[in-house]
Amino acid sequence: MKQVPMKQAPIKQAKSGLGDLEQEVMRLVWKHGPIHADALRSLLSRPLKDSTVRTVLRRLEEKEYLSHTVEDRTFIYAAREARERMAAKAVKRLVDWFCDGSMEDVIVGMVDSSLLSEKQLDALAKRIEEARRAKAKAKKGDRS
């Protein structure tokens, strides 16, 4: 009997996926804080037209990475979330995809593959202990 390969659904690029220029813009916004298009344009690694920079900013706003306020008729763009929080969300998507949502599998895999330095392991252990204490404290407060 001839085996017919199963058709797999194509992997869709997430709505929030970023291109190289969008990534560079986000790094600059996170580094410099709220910024207007002209200041951002001067910081970019390559010269771009004003309209290109504004288009990228608009797209990042549509993807909900940026928001803007208006000061003296000038749009000031700011990140909607901190870099670390956004990175955590991206990692969560990867964990869901590759490890069926098991963060433990990812962390154990990183440790087993020697991807973390001694310093990083110590920092992680410290953060885990802090999280345990905070959860215990919160749990204790719930019983009161």
Protein backbone atom coordinates (compact mmCIF):
# COMPACT_ATOMS: atom_id res chain seq x y z
CA MET A 1 0.00 0.00 0.00
CA LYS A 2 1.39 3.37 -1.01
CA GLN A 3 1.78 5.85 1.86
CA VAL A 4 0.59 9.33 1.15
CA PRO A 5 2.32 12.01 3.20
CA MET A 6 -0.03 13.98 5.39
CA LYS A 7 -0.52 17.55 4.38
CA GLN A 8 0.76 19.85 7.05
CA ALA A 9 -0.69 23.25 7.60
CA PRO A 10 1.77 25.95 6.57
CA ILE A 11 3.51 27.70 9.42
CA LYS A 12 2.10 31.18 9.57
CA GLN A 13 4.23 34.12 10.52
CA ALA A 14 2.76 35.55 13.69
CA LYS A 15 0.99 38.86 13.29
CA SER A 16 3.56 40.28 15.63
CA GLY A 17 6.58 38.92 13.72
CA LEU A 18 9.18 41.60 13.06
CA GLY A 19 11.45 42.21 10.11
CA ASP A 20 15.06 43.35 10.48
CA LEU A 21 14.26 47.07 10.28
CA GLU A 22 11.37 46.72 12.71
CA GLN A 23 13.68 44.89 15.14
CA GLU A 24 16.25 47.66 14.88
CA VAL A 25 13.59 50.31 15.52
CA MET A 26 12.32 48.45 18.57
CA ARG A 27 15.86 48.09 19.98
CA LEU A 28 16.36 51.84 19.58
CA VAL A 29 13.02 52.71 21.18
CA TRP A 30 13.78 50.41 24.13
CA LYS A 31 17.26 51.89 24.48
CA HIS A 32 16.34 55.58 24.12
CA GLY A 33 12.79 55.64 25.46
CA PRO A 34 10.02 57.72 23.91
CA ILE A 35 11.24 59.17 20.63
CA HIS A 36 10.00 61.05 17.57
CA ALA A 37 10.54 59.88 13.98
CA ASP A 38 13.32 62.37 13.11
CA ALA A 39 15.40 61.47 16.15
CA LEU A 40 14.88 57.79 15.46
CA ARG A 41 15.87 58.20 11.82
CA SER A 42 19.19 59.76 12.85
CA LEU A 43 19.96 56.74 15.05
CA LEU A 44 19.28 54.06 12.44
CA SER A 45 22.20 52.09 11.03
CA ARG A 46 21.37 53.11 7.45
CA PRO A 47 19.93 56.24 5.87
CA LEU A 48 16.20 56.00 5.22
CA LYS A 49 13.58 58.38 3.89
CA ASP A 50 11.34 60.05 6.43
CA SER A 51 8.30 58.34 4.89
CA THR A 52 9.93 54.90 5.32
CA VAL A 53 10.63 55.52 9.01
CA ARG A 54 7.07 56.74 9.58
CA THR A 55 5.68 53.69 7.79
CA VAL A 56 7.73 51.36 9.99
CA LEU A 57 6.55 53.21 13.10
CA ARG A 58 2.93 52.99 11.96
CA ARG A 59 3.27 49.26 11.30
CA LEU A 60 4.83 48.67 14.70
CA GLU A 61 1.92 50.53 16.21
CA GLU A 62 -0.54 48.35 14.25
CA LYS A 63 1.27 45.25 15.55
CA GLU A 64 0.88 46.72 19.06
CA TYR A 65 4.58 47.05 19.78
CA LEU A 66 4.42 50.86 19.95
CA SER A 67 1.97 53.53 20.95
CA HIS A 68 2.20 57.26 20.44
CA THR A 69 1.29 60.52 22.08
CA VAL A 70 1.21 63.91 20.42
CA GLU A 71 3.29 66.81 21.73
CA ASP A 72 3.13 70.09 19.82
CA ARG A 73 1.82 68.26 16.73
CA THR A 74 4.72 65.77 16.88
CA PHE A 75 4.12 62.04 17.32
CA ILE A 76 6.22 60.63 20.16
CA TYR A 77 6.52 56.84 20.00
CA ALA A 78 7.06 54.58 23.00
CA ALA A 79 7.20 50.83 23.50
CA ARG A 80 3.96 49.36 24.81
CA GLU A 81 5.92 46.85 26.89
CA ALA A 82 9.41 46.53 28.28
CA ARG A 83 11.93 44.59 26.21
CA GLU A 84 12.17 41.83 28.80
CA ARG A 85 8.40 41.33 28.91
CA MET A 86 8.18 41.21 25.12
CA ALA A 87 11.05 38.70 25.01
CA ALA A 88 9.26 36.55 27.57
CA LYS A 89 6.14 36.49 25.39
CA ALA A 90 8.22 35.46 22.36
CA VAL A 91 9.84 32.67 24.37
CA LYS A 92 6.39 31.55 25.51
CA ARG A 93 5.33 31.17 21.86
CA LEU A 94 8.43 29.04 21.19
CA VAL A 95 7.84 26.93 24.28
CA ASP A 96 4.23 26.35 23.24
CA TRP A 97 5.34 25.34 19.75
CA PHE A 98 8.35 23.14 20.53
CA CYS A 99 7.66 21.83 24.03
CA ASP A 100 3.86 21.77 24.25
CA GLY A 101 4.01 24.62 26.75
CA SER A 102 6.48 22.98 29.14
CA MET A 103 8.83 25.70 30.35
CA GLU A 104 10.50 23.07 32.53
CA ASP A 105 11.52 21.12 29.40
CA VAL A 106 13.12 24.26 27.95
CA ILE A 107 15.02 25.17 31.10
CA VAL A 108 16.21 21.60 31.69
CA GLY A 109 17.25 21.44 28.04
CA MET A 110 19.23 24.66 28.41
CA VAL A 111 20.95 23.37 31.54
CA ASP A 112 21.64 19.94 30.02
CA SER A 113 23.06 21.56 26.87
CA SER A 114 25.37 23.80 28.92
CA LEU A 115 23.80 26.92 27.42
CA LEU A 116 23.86 28.76 30.75
CA SER A 117 27.00 30.01 32.44
CA GLU A 118 27.66 29.48 36.14
CA LYS A 119 26.75 33.11 36.74
CA GLN A 120 23.47 32.72 34.83
CA LEU A 121 22.64 29.52 36.75
CA ASP A 122 23.27 31.34 40.05
CA ALA A 123 21.08 34.25 38.97
CA LEU A 124 18.34 31.88 37.88
CA ALA A 125 18.50 29.95 41.17
CA LYS A 126 18.29 33.23 43.10
CA ARG A 127 15.30 34.41 41.06
CA ILE A 128 13.54 31.06 41.56
CA GLU A 129 14.03 31.31 45.31
CA GLU A 130 12.67 34.87 45.32
CA ALA A 131 9.63 33.73 43.33
CA ARG A 132 9.03 30.86 45.79
CA ARG A 133 9.18 33.25 48.75
CA ALA A 134 6.80 35.68 47.03
CA LYS A 135 4.31 32.88 46.26
CA ALA A 136 4.50 31.57 49.81
CA LYS A 137 3.94 35.06 51.17
CA ALA A 138 0.97 35.61 48.85
CA LYS A 139 -0.48 32.23 49.78
CA LYS A 140 -0.09 33.04 53.47
CA GLY A 141 -1.88 36.37 52.88
CA ASP A 142 -4.80 34.58 51.18
CA ARG A 143 -5.41 32.49 54.28
CA SER A 144 -5.60 35.52 56.56
